[in-house]
PDB file of N, CA and C in Angstrom:
ATOM      1  N   MET A   1      97.030  80.369  75.853  1.00  0.00           N
ATOM      2  CA  MET A   1      95.941  79.986  76.716  1.00  0.00           C
ATOM      3  C   MET A   1      95.002  79.070  75.952  1.00  0.00           C
ATOM      4  N   PRO A   2      94.485  78.046  76.590  1.00  0.00           N
ATOM      5  CA  PRO A   2      93.510  77.194  75.915  1.00  0.00           C
ATOM      6  C   PRO A   2      92.267  77.996  75.559  1.00  0.00           C
ATOM      7  N   GLY A   3      91.815  77.825  74.355  1.00  0.00           N
ATOM      8  CA  GLY A   3      90.600  78.514  73.926  1.00  0.00           C
ATOM      9  C   GLY A   3      90.819  79.986  73.636  1.00  0.00           C
ATOM     10  N   GLY A   4      92.046  80.445  73.597  1.00  0.00           N
ATOM     11  CA  GLY A   4      92.311  81.852  73.302  1.00  0.00           C
ATOM     12  C   GLY A   4      92.371  82.685  74.564  1.00  0.00           C
ATOM     13  N   GLY A   5      92.916  83.845  74.417  1.00  0.00           N
ATOM     14  CA  GLY A   5      93.058  84.746  75.559  1.00  0.00           C
ATOM     15  C   GLY A   5      91.898  85.707  75.648  1.00  0.00           C
ATOM     16  N   SER A   6      91.858  86.397  76.726  1.00  0.00           N
ATOM     17  CA  SER A   6      90.792  87.370  76.919  1.00  0.00           C
ATOM     18  C   SER A   6      91.177  88.729  76.353  1.00  0.00           C
ATOM     19  N   GLY A   7      92.375  88.827  75.796  1.00  0.00           N
ATOM     20  CA  GLY A   7      92.810  90.080  75.200  1.00  0.00           C
ATOM     21  C   GLY A   7      93.477  90.991  76.208  1.00  0.00           C
ATOM     22  N   PHE A   8      93.744  92.167  75.763  1.00  0.00           N
ATOM     23  CA  PHE A   8      94.428  93.157  76.587  1.00  0.00           C
ATOM     24  C   PHE A   8      93.670  94.464  76.465  1.00  0.00           C
ATOM     25  N   THR A   9      93.375  95.049  77.575  1.00  0.00           N
ATOM     26  CA  THR A   9      92.734  96.357  77.554  1.00  0.00           C
ATOM     27  C   THR A   9      93.469  97.288  78.501  1.00  0.00           C
ATOM     28  N   ALA A  10      93.450  98.528  78.150  1.00  0.00           N
ATOM     29  CA  ALA A  10      94.035  99.555  79.014  1.00  0.00           C
ATOM     30  C   ALA A  10      93.324 100.863  78.714  1.00  0.00           C
ATOM     31  N   GLU A  11      93.182 101.650  79.721  1.00  0.00           N
ATOM     32  CA  GLU A  11      92.633 102.985  79.550  1.00  0.00           C
ATOM     33  C   GLU A  11      93.814 103.946  79.640  1.00  0.00           C
ATOM     34  N   PRO A  12      94.331 104.361  78.472  1.00  0.00           N
ATOM     35  CA  PRO A  12      95.553 105.172  78.468  1.00  0.00           C
ATOM     36  C   PRO A  12      95.507 106.389  79.389  1.00  0.00           C
ATOM     37  N   ASP A  13      94.393 107.099  79.413  1.00  0.00           N
ATOM     38  CA  ASP A  13      94.328 108.286  80.274  1.00  0.00           C
ATOM     39  C   ASP A  13      94.457 107.911  81.747  1.00  0.00           C
ATOM     40  N   ALA A  14      93.817 106.811  82.142  1.00  0.00           N
ATOM     41  CA  ALA A  14      93.894 106.368  83.536  1.00  0.00           C
ATOM     42  C   ALA A  14      95.303 105.885  83.877  1.00  0.00           C
ATOM     43  N   VAL A  15      95.916 105.163  82.943  1.00  0.00           N
ATOM     44  CA  VAL A  15      97.278 104.672  83.179  1.00  0.00           C
ATOM     45  C   VAL A  15      98.248 105.851  83.275  1.00  0.00           C
ATOM     46  N   LEU A  16      98.102 106.819  82.371  1.00  0.00           N
ATOM     47  CA  LEU A  16      98.974 107.999  82.420  1.00  0.00           C
ATOM     48  C   LEU A  16      98.786 108.776  83.715  1.00  0.00           C
ATOM     49  N   SER A  17      97.551 108.916  84.122  1.00  0.00           N
ATOM     50  CA  SER A  17      97.271 109.617  85.374  1.00  0.00           C
ATOM     51  C   SER A  17      97.924 108.894  86.553  1.00  0.00           C
ATOM     52  N   ALA A  18      97.798 107.585  86.575  1.00  0.00           N
ATOM     53  CA  ALA A  18      98.404 106.798  87.654  1.00  0.00           C
ATOM     54  C   ALA A  18      99.928 106.877  87.609  1.00  0.00           C
ATOM     55  N   SER A  19     100.484 106.952  86.400  1.00  0.00           N
ATOM     56  CA  SER A  19     101.944 106.989  86.274  1.00  0.00           C
ATOM     57  C   SER A  19     102.527 108.295  86.799  1.00  0.00           C
ATOM     58  N   ASN A  20     101.688 109.301  86.976  1.00  0.00           N
ATOM     59  CA  ASN A  20     102.180 110.551  87.561  1.00  0.00           C
ATOM     60  C   ASN A  20     102.696 110.322  88.976  1.00  0.00           C
ATOM     61  N   GLY A  21     102.220 109.261  89.624  1.00  0.00           N
ATOM     62  CA  GLY A  21     102.736 108.907  90.940  1.00  0.00           C
ATOM     63  C   GLY A  21     104.221 108.579  90.898  1.00  0.00           C
ATOM     64  N   LEU A  22     104.681 108.047  89.771  1.00  0.00           N
ATOM     65  CA  LEU A  22     106.110 107.765  89.618  1.00  0.00           C
ATOM     66  C   LEU A  22     106.908 109.064  89.615  1.00  0.00           C
ATOM     67  N   THR A  23     106.377 110.070  88.930  1.00  0.00           N
ATOM     68  CA  THR A  23     107.047 111.369  88.894  1.00  0.00           C
ATOM     69  C   THR A  23     107.030 112.013  90.275  1.00  0.00           C
ATOM     70  N   THR A  24     105.902 111.910  90.958  1.00  0.00           N
ATOM     71  CA  THR A  24     105.797 112.465  92.309  1.00  0.00           C
ATOM     72  C   THR A  24     106.805 111.794  93.242  1.00  0.00           C
ATOM     73  N   ALA A  25     106.907 110.478  93.143  1.00  0.00           N
ATOM     74  CA  ALA A  25     107.872 109.743  93.972  1.00  0.00           C
ATOM     75  C   ALA A  25     109.301 110.147  93.621  1.00  0.00           C
ATOM     76  N   ALA A  26     109.592 110.267  92.329  1.00  0.00           N
ATOM     77  CA  ALA A  26     110.934 110.668  91.896  1.00  0.00           C
ATOM     78  C   ALA A  26     111.272 112.060  92.412  1.00  0.00           C
ATOM     79  N   ASP A  27     110.308 112.974  92.338  1.00  0.00           N
ATOM     80  CA  ASP A  27     110.548 114.333  92.829  1.00  0.00           C
ATOM     81  C   ASP A  27     110.821 114.335  94.333  1.00  0.00           C
ATOM     82  N   GLY A  28     110.054 113.547  95.081  1.00  0.00           N
ATOM     83  CA  GLY A  28     110.262 113.461  96.523  1.00  0.00           C
ATOM     84  C   GLY A  28     111.619 112.874  96.870  1.00  0.00           C
ATOM     85  N   LEU A  29     111.993 111.822  96.166  1.00  0.00           N
ATOM     86  CA  LEU A  29     113.298 111.207  96.419  1.00  0.00           C
ATOM     87  C   LEU A  29     114.438 112.123  95.989  1.00  0.00           C
ATOM     88  N   ASP A  30     114.231 112.867  94.914  1.00  0.00           N
ATOM     89  CA  ASP A  30     115.249 113.806  94.463  1.00  0.00           C
ATOM     90  C   ASP A  30     115.458 114.899  95.511  1.00  0.00           C
ATOM     91  N   SER A  31     114.368 115.351  96.109  1.00  0.00           N
ATOM     92  CA  SER A  31     114.466 116.344  97.179  1.00  0.00           C
ATOM     93  C   SER A  31     115.218 115.767  98.379  1.00  0.00           C
ATOM     94  N   ALA A  32     114.898 114.528  98.736  1.00  0.00           N
ATOM     95  CA  ALA A  32     115.596 113.864  99.843  1.00  0.00           C
ATOM     96  C   ALA A  32     117.077 113.688  99.516  1.00  0.00           C
ATOM     97  N   LEU A  33     117.372 113.369  98.267  1.00  0.00           N
ATOM     98  CA  LEU A  33     118.761 113.212  97.834  1.00  0.00           C
ATOM     99  C   LEU A  33     119.522 114.525  97.997  1.00  0.00           C
ATOM    100  N   LYS A  34     118.901 115.617  97.593  1.00  0.00           N
ATOM    101  CA  LYS A  34     119.567 116.919  97.722  1.00  0.00           C
ATOM    102  C   LYS A  34     119.805 117.266  99.193  1.00  0.00           C
ATOM    103  N   THR A  35     118.842 116.935 100.034  1.00  0.00           N
ATOM    104  CA  THR A  35     119.006 117.166 101.474  1.00  0.00           C
ATOM    105  C   THR A  35     120.146 116.312 102.020  1.00  0.00           C
ATOM    106  N   LEU A  36     120.165 115.043 101.630  1.00  0.00           N
ATOM    107  CA  LEU A  36     121.233 114.137 102.063  1.00  0.00           C
ATOM    108  C   LEU A  36     122.589 114.634 101.586  1.00  0.00           C
ATOM    109  N   GLN A  37     122.670 114.997 100.310  1.00  0.00           N
ATOM    110  CA  GLN A  37     123.940 115.459  99.754  1.00  0.00           C
ATOM    111  C   GLN A  37     124.407 116.728 100.460  1.00  0.00           C
ATOM    112  N   GLY A  38     123.469 117.621 100.745  1.00  0.00           N
ATOM    113  CA  GLY A  38     123.819 118.845 101.469  1.00  0.00           C
ATOM    114  C   GLY A  38     124.349 118.548 102.862  1.00  0.00           C
ATOM    115  N   ALA A  39     123.708 117.613 103.550  1.00  0.00           N
ATOM    116  CA  ALA A  39     124.152 117.242 104.899  1.00  0.00           C
ATOM    117  C   ALA A  39     125.526 116.580 104.854  1.00  0.00           C
ATOM    118  N   LEU A  40     125.733 115.706 103.889  1.00  0.00           N
ATOM    119  CA  LEU A  40     127.037 115.045 103.768  1.00  0.00           C
ATOM    120  C   LEU A  40     128.130 116.054 103.444  1.00  0.00           C
ATOM    121  N   ASP A  41     127.827 116.970 102.522  1.00  0.00           N
ATOM    122  CA  ASP A  41     128.811 117.988 102.149  1.00  0.00           C
ATOM    123  C   ASP A  41     129.119 118.916 103.324  1.00  0.00           C
ATOM    124  N   ALA A  42     128.084 119.266 104.098  1.00  0.00           N
ATOM    125  CA  ALA A  42     128.274 120.170 105.237  1.00  0.00           C
ATOM    126  C   ALA A  42     129.181 119.554 106.300  1.00  0.00           C
ATOM    127  N   GLN A  43     129.104 118.246 106.457  1.00  0.00           N
ATOM    128  CA  GLN A  43     129.924 117.575 107.466  1.00  0.00           C
ATOM    129  C   GLN A  43     131.371 117.456 107.021  1.00  0.00           C
ATOM    130  N   GLY A  44     131.567 117.326 105.729  1.00  0.00           N
ATOM    131  CA  GLY A  44     132.928 117.154 105.238  1.00  0.00           C
ATOM    132  C   GLY A  44     133.578 115.931 105.862  1.00  0.00           C
ATOM    133  N   ALA A  45     134.877 115.974 105.972  1.00  0.00           N
ATOM    134  CA  ALA A  45     135.632 114.865 106.570  1.00  0.00           C
ATOM    135  C   ALA A  45     135.807 115.136 108.067  1.00  0.00           C
ATOM    136  N   CYS A  46     134.686 115.181 108.777  1.00  0.00           N
ATOM    137  CA  CYS A  46     134.693 115.565 110.197  1.00  0.00           C
ATOM    138  C   CYS A  46     135.363 114.524 111.100  1.00  0.00           C
ATOM    139  N   TRP A  47     135.703 113.386 110.567  1.00  0.00           N
ATOM    140  CA  TRP A  47     136.291 112.318 111.378  1.00  0.00           C
ATOM    141  C   TRP A  47     137.790 112.494 111.557  1.00  0.00           C
ATOM    142  N   GLY A  48     138.365 113.426 110.860  1.00  0.00           N
ATOM    143  CA  GLY A  48     139.781 113.718 111.041  1.00  0.00           C
ATOM    144  C   GLY A  48     140.691 112.832 110.210  1.00  0.00           C
ATOM    145  N   ASP A  49     141.979 113.097 110.365  1.00  0.00           N
ATOM    146  CA  ASP A  49     142.972 112.403 109.548  1.00  0.00           C
ATOM    147  C   ASP A  49     143.882 111.510 110.394  1.00  0.00           C
ATOM    148  N   ASP A  50     143.472 111.257 111.634  1.00  0.00           N
ATOM    149  CA  ASP A  50     144.272 110.355 112.467  1.00  0.00           C
ATOM    150  C   ASP A  50     143.925 108.904 112.115  1.00  0.00           C
ATOM    151  N   ASP A  51     144.548 107.969 112.787  1.00  0.00           N
ATOM    152  CA  ASP A  51     144.342 106.553 112.463  1.00  0.00           C
ATOM    153  C   ASP A  51     142.885 106.124 112.625  1.00  0.00           C
ATOM    154  N   SER A  52     142.242 106.565 113.710  1.00  0.00           N
ATOM    155  CA  SER A  52     140.846 106.158 113.905  1.00  0.00           C
ATOM    156  C   SER A  52     139.944 106.827 112.867  1.00  0.00           C
ATOM    157  N   GLY A  53     140.251 108.065 112.493  1.00  0.00           N
ATOM    158  CA  GLY A  53     139.485 108.741 111.448  1.00  0.00           C
ATOM    159  C   GLY A  53     139.626 108.036 110.115  1.00  0.00           C
ATOM    160  N   LYS A  54     140.840 107.631 109.799  1.00  0.00           N
ATOM    161  CA  LYS A  54     141.076 106.902 108.542  1.00  0.00           C
ATOM    162  C   LYS A  54     140.339 105.566 108.542  1.00  0.00           C
ATOM    163  N   GLU A  55     140.332 104.910 109.689  1.00  0.00           N
ATOM    164  CA  GLU A  55     139.629 103.622 109.799  1.00  0.00           C
ATOM    165  C   GLU A  55     138.120 103.823 109.603  1.00  0.00           C
ATOM    166  N   PHE A  56     137.586 104.868 110.209  1.00  0.00           N
ATOM    167  CA  PHE A  56     136.165 105.187 110.048  1.00  0.00           C
ATOM    168  C   PHE A  56     135.857 105.504 108.585  1.00  0.00           C
ATOM    169  N   ALA A  57     136.677 106.342 107.974  1.00  0.00           N
ATOM    170  CA  ALA A  57     136.449 106.778 106.590  1.00  0.00           C
ATOM    171  C   ALA A  57     136.496 105.618 105.608  1.00  0.00           C
ATOM    172  N   LYS A  58     137.285 104.603 105.940  1.00  0.00           N
ATOM    173  CA  LYS A  58     137.444 103.462 105.038  1.00  0.00           C
ATOM    174  C   LYS A  58     136.094 102.822 104.696  1.00  0.00           C
ATOM    175  N   ASP A  59     135.198 102.747 105.655  1.00  0.00           N
ATOM    176  CA  ASP A  59     133.868 102.170 105.418  1.00  0.00           C
ATOM    177  C   ASP A  59     132.810 103.241 105.158  1.00  0.00           C
ATOM    178  N   TYR A  60     132.949 104.379 105.852  1.00  0.00           N
ATOM    179  CA  TYR A  60     131.915 105.411 105.764  1.00  0.00           C
ATOM    180  C   TYR A  60     131.851 106.053 104.379  1.00  0.00           C
ATOM    181  N   VAL A  61     132.988 106.444 103.843  1.00  0.00           N
ATOM    182  CA  VAL A  61     132.997 107.172 102.565  1.00  0.00           C
ATOM    183  C   VAL A  61     132.379 106.345 101.440  1.00  0.00           C
ATOM    184  N   PRO A  62     132.795 105.088 101.245  1.00  0.00           N
ATOM    185  CA  PRO A  62     132.141 104.305 100.184  1.00  0.00           C
ATOM    186  C   PRO A  62     130.648 104.093 100.444  1.00  0.00           C
ATOM    187  N   GLY A  63     130.277 103.940 101.714  1.00  0.00           N
ATOM    188  CA  GLY A  63     128.863 103.770 102.043  1.00  0.00           C
ATOM    189  C   GLY A  63     128.053 105.015 101.728  1.00  0.00           C
ATOM    190  N   ALA A  64     128.594 106.171 102.072  1.00  0.00           N
ATOM    191  CA  ALA A  64     127.908 107.434 101.781  1.00  0.00           C
ATOM    192  C   ALA A  64     127.800 107.644 100.277  1.00  0.00           C
ATOM    193  N   GLN A  65     128.878 107.359  99.561  1.00  0.00           N
ATOM    194  CA  GLN A  65     128.847 107.490  98.099  1.00  0.00           C
ATOM    195  C   GLN A  65     127.848 106.511  97.488  1.00  0.00           C
ATOM    196  N   GLY A  66     127.798 105.315  98.035  1.00  0.00           N
ATOM    197  CA  GLY A  66     126.842 104.313  97.549  1.00  0.00           C
ATOM    198  C   GLY A  66     125.403 104.734  97.783  1.00  0.00           C
ATOM    199  N   ALA A  67     125.144 105.367  98.922  1.00  0.00           N
ATOM    200  CA  ALA A  67     123.789 105.847  99.216  1.00  0.00           C
ATOM    201  C   ALA A  67     123.375 106.917  98.218  1.00  0.00           C
ATOM    202  N   VAL A  68     124.262 107.853  97.949  1.00  0.00           N
ATOM    203  CA  VAL A  68     123.966 108.919  96.982  1.00  0.00           C
ATOM    204  C   VAL A  68     123.759 108.319  95.593  1.00  0.00           C
ATOM    205  N   GLU A  69     124.608 107.397  95.212  1.00  0.00           N
ATOM    206  CA  GLU A  69     124.473 106.747  93.906  1.00  0.00           C
ATOM    207  C   GLU A  69     123.162 105.963  93.819  1.00  0.00           C
ATOM    208  N   GLY A  70     122.820 105.264  94.885  1.00  0.00           N
ATOM    209  CA  GLY A  70     121.575 104.498  94.902  1.00  0.00           C
ATOM    210  C   GLY A  70     120.357 105.394  94.769  1.00  0.00           C
ATOM    211  N   PHE A  71     120.343 106.505  95.502  1.00  0.00           N
ATOM    212  CA  PHE A  71     119.240 107.465  95.394  1.00  0.00           C
ATOM    213  C   PHE A  71     119.160 108.013  93.972  1.00  0.00           C
ATOM    214  N   THR A  72     120.312 108.369  93.419  1.00  0.00           N
ATOM    215  CA  THR A  72     120.349 108.919  92.058  1.00  0.00           C
ATOM    216  C   THR A  72     119.784 107.921  91.063  1.00  0.00           C
ATOM    217  N   ASN A  73     120.205 106.670  91.167  1.00  0.00           N
ATOM    218  CA  ASN A  73     119.710 105.634  90.258  1.00  0.00           C
ATOM    219  C   ASN A  73     118.213 105.411  90.423  1.00  0.00           C
ATOM    220  N   LEU A  74     117.739 105.453  91.651  1.00  0.00           N
ATOM    221  CA  LEU A  74     116.313 105.260  91.902  1.00  0.00           C
ATOM    222  C   LEU A  74     115.492 106.393  91.297  1.00  0.00           C
ATOM    223  N   VAL A  75     115.942 107.621  91.476  1.00  0.00           N
ATOM    224  CA  VAL A  75     115.247 108.777  90.889  1.00  0.00           C
ATOM    225  C   VAL A  75     115.207 108.638  89.368  1.00  0.00           C
ATOM    226  N   GLN A  76     116.349 108.326  88.765  1.00  0.00           N
ATOM    227  CA  GLN A  76     116.402 108.170  87.307  1.00  0.00           C
ATOM    228  C   GLN A  76     115.528 107.007  86.845  1.00  0.00           C
ATOM    229  N   GLY A  77     115.531 105.930  87.600  1.00  0.00           N
ATOM    230  CA  GLY A  77     114.714 104.769  87.248  1.00  0.00           C
ATOM    231  C   GLY A  77     113.231 105.080  87.278  1.00  0.00           C
ATOM    232  N   LEU A  78     112.781 105.784  88.302  1.00  0.00           N
ATOM    233  CA  LEU A  78     111.365 106.153  88.392  1.00  0.00           C
ATOM    234  C   LEU A  78     110.970 107.090  87.256  1.00  0.00           C
ATOM    235  N   ARG A  79     111.833 108.047  86.947  1.00  0.00           N
ATOM    236  CA  ARG A  79     111.533 108.961  85.833  1.00  0.00           C
ATOM    237  C   ARG A  79     111.497 108.191  84.508  1.00  0.00           C
ATOM    238  N   GLY A  80     112.418 107.267  84.337  1.00  0.00           N
ATOM    239  CA  GLY A  80     112.440 106.449  83.121  1.00  0.00           C
ATOM    240  C   GLY A  80     111.205 105.574  83.005  1.00  0.00           C
ATOM    241  N   MET A  81     110.767 105.007  84.120  1.00  0.00           N
ATOM    242  CA  MET A  81     109.551 104.187  84.096  1.00  0.00           C
ATOM    243  C   MET A  81     108.353 105.018  83.667  1.00  0.00           C
ATOM    244  N   GLN A  82     108.232 106.231  84.206  1.00  0.00           N
ATOM    245  CA  GLN A  82     107.101 107.083  83.842  1.00  0.00           C
ATOM    246  C   GLN A  82     107.159 107.421  82.354  1.00  0.00           C
ATOM    247  N   GLN A  83     108.336 107.715  81.846  1.00  0.00           N
ATOM    248  CA  GLN A  83     108.476 108.025  80.419  1.00  0.00           C
ATOM    249  C   GLN A  83     108.109 106.820  79.559  1.00  0.00           C
ATOM    250  N   ASN A  84     108.507 105.631  79.984  1.00  0.00           N
ATOM    251  CA  ASN A  84     108.176 104.423  79.226  1.00  0.00           C
ATOM    252  C   ASN A  84     106.681 104.128  79.254  1.00  0.00           C
ATOM    253  N   VAL A  85     106.047 104.371  80.388  1.00  0.00           N
ATOM    254  CA  VAL A  85     104.595 104.196  80.468  1.00  0.00           C
ATOM    255  C   VAL A  85     103.920 105.162  79.497  1.00  0.00           C
ATOM    256  N   ALA A  86     104.370 106.414  79.486  1.00  0.00           N
ATOM    257  CA  ALA A  86     103.783 107.411  78.587  1.00  0.00           C
ATOM    258  C   ALA A  86     103.964 107.000  77.126  1.00  0.00           C
ATOM    259  N   LYS A  87     105.150 106.524  76.766  1.00  0.00           N
ATOM    260  CA  LYS A  87     105.393 106.070  75.388  1.00  0.00           C
ATOM    261  C   LYS A  87     104.501 104.887  75.042  1.00  0.00           C
ATOM    262  N   SER A  88     104.366 103.961  75.971  1.00  0.00           N
ATOM    263  CA  SER A  88     103.534 102.779  75.730  1.00  0.00           C
ATOM    264  C   SER A  88     102.080 103.162  75.521  1.00  0.00           C
ATOM    265  N   MET A  89     101.588 104.063  76.333  1.00  0.00           N
ATOM    266  CA  MET A  89     100.187 104.472  76.206  1.00  0.00           C
ATOM    267  C   MET A  89      99.958 105.271  74.932  1.00  0.00           C
ATOM    268  N   LYS A  90     100.955 106.049  74.518  1.00  0.00           N
ATOM    269  CA  LYS A  90     100.845 106.778  73.248  1.00  0.00           C
ATOM    270  C   LYS A  90     100.801 105.783  72.089  1.00  0.00           C
ATOM    271  N   ALA A  91     101.657 104.768  72.144  1.00  0.00           N
ATOM    272  CA  ALA A  91     101.666 103.740  71.096  1.00  0.00           C
ATOM    273  C   ALA A  91     100.359 102.961  71.090  1.00  0.00           C
ATOM    274  N   LEU A  92      99.854 102.622  72.261  1.00  0.00           N
ATOM    275  CA  LEU A  92      98.595 101.885  72.350  1.00  0.00           C
ATOM    276  C   LEU A  92      97.451 102.719  71.796  1.00  0.00           C
ATOM    277  N   SER A  93      97.412 103.989  72.156  1.00  0.00           N
ATOM    278  CA  SER A  93      96.362 104.873  71.643  1.00  0.00           C
ATOM    279  C   SER A  93      96.455 105.005  70.133  1.00  0.00           C
ATOM    280  N   GLY A  94      97.674 105.133  69.624  1.00  0.00           N
ATOM    281  CA  GLY A  94      97.868 105.237  68.176  1.00  0.00           C
ATOM    282  C   GLY A  94      97.423 103.985  67.455  1.00  0.00           C
ATOM    283  N   ALA A  95      97.757 102.831  68.010  1.00  0.00           N
ATOM    284  CA  ALA A  95      97.347 101.562  67.389  1.00  0.00           C
ATOM    285  C   ALA A  95      95.832 101.425  67.424  1.00  0.00           C
ATOM    286  N   ASP A  96      95.228 101.807  68.531  1.00  0.00           N
ATOM    287  CA  ASP A  96      93.775 101.733  68.659  1.00  0.00           C
ATOM    288  C   ASP A  96      93.105 102.662  67.653  1.00  0.00           C
ATOM    289  N   GLU A  97      93.647 103.856  67.484  1.00  0.00           N
ATOM    290  CA  GLU A  97      93.091 104.802  66.517  1.00  0.00           C
ATOM    291  C   GLU A  97      93.235 104.274  65.093  1.00  0.00           C
ATOM    292  N   ASP A  98      94.369 103.630  64.796  1.00  0.00           N
ATOM    293  CA  ASP A  98      94.573 103.045  63.465  1.00  0.00           C
ATOM    294  C   ASP A  98      93.545 101.961  63.184  1.00  0.00           C
ATOM    295  N   VAL A  99      93.322 101.090  64.154  1.00  0.00           N
ATOM    296  CA  VAL A  99      92.344 100.008  63.975  1.00  0.00           C
ATOM    297  C   VAL A  99      90.950 100.590  63.799  1.00  0.00           C
ATOM    298  N   THR A 100      90.605 101.556  64.623  1.00  0.00           N
ATOM    299  CA  THR A 100      89.287 102.186  64.521  1.00  0.00           C
ATOM    300  C   THR A 100      89.114 102.843  63.159  1.00  0.00           C
ATOM    301  N   SER A 101      90.151 103.499  62.677  1.00  0.00           N
ATOM    302  CA  SER A 101      90.097 104.143  61.365  1.00  0.00           C
ATOM    303  C   SER A 101      89.913 103.118  60.256  1.00  0.00           C
ATOM    304  N   GLN A 102      90.659 102.014  60.333  1.00  0.00           N
ATOM    305  CA  GLN A 102      90.554 100.970  59.310  1.00  0.00           C
ATOM    306  C   GLN A 102      89.180 100.314  59.333  1.00  0.00           C
ATOM    307  N   LEU A 103      88.656 100.079  60.528  1.00  0.00           N
ATOM    308  CA  LEU A 103      87.325  99.478  60.626  1.00  0.00           C
ATOM    309  C   LEU A 103      86.265 100.429  60.086  1.00  0.00           C
ATOM    310  N   GLY A 104      86.467 101.716  60.305  1.00  0.00           N
ATOM    311  CA  GLY A 104      85.530 102.709  59.799  1.00  0.00           C
ATOM    312  C   GLY A 104      85.525 102.775  58.285  1.00  0.00           C
ATOM    313  N   LYS A 105      86.643 102.386  57.669  1.00  0.00           N
ATOM    314  CA  LYS A 105      86.751 102.377  56.213  1.00  0.00           C
ATOM    315  C   LYS A 105      86.270 101.056  55.630  1.00  0.00           C
ATOM    316  N   GLY A 106      85.905 100.136  56.496  1.00  0.00           N
ATOM    317  CA  GLY A 106      85.438  98.835  56.028  1.00  0.00           C
ATOM    318  C   GLY A 106      86.555  97.909  55.600  1.00  0.00           C
ATOM    319  N   GLN A 107      87.752  98.132  56.072  1.00  0.00           N
ATOM    320  CA  GLN A 107      88.890  97.286  55.676  1.00  0.00           C
ATOM    321  C   GLN A 107      89.229  96.316  56.767  1.00  0.00           C
TER     322      GLN A 107
END
């Protein structure tokens, strides 16, 4: 930036508190995933094994598996994001404490 940047500030406690929303969202989606998986399992292969059932299953089964996989990945992604935010804020707090300590020592 011309003339230097304005720096970076963050309030780790506020960021961590806000990141709890990621965990809440992951928990909600995980619950929905379990409900979906239960419903899919309960139905089984209800379309039958005749030609029309096989034709239906050809598209339905991969789609259902893809939905479950997508939900699973989303839940894991949200949990991973929250963990990364927590690690980042811990590192930021540690760096801030180090600088404060060094400044307090006159270095």
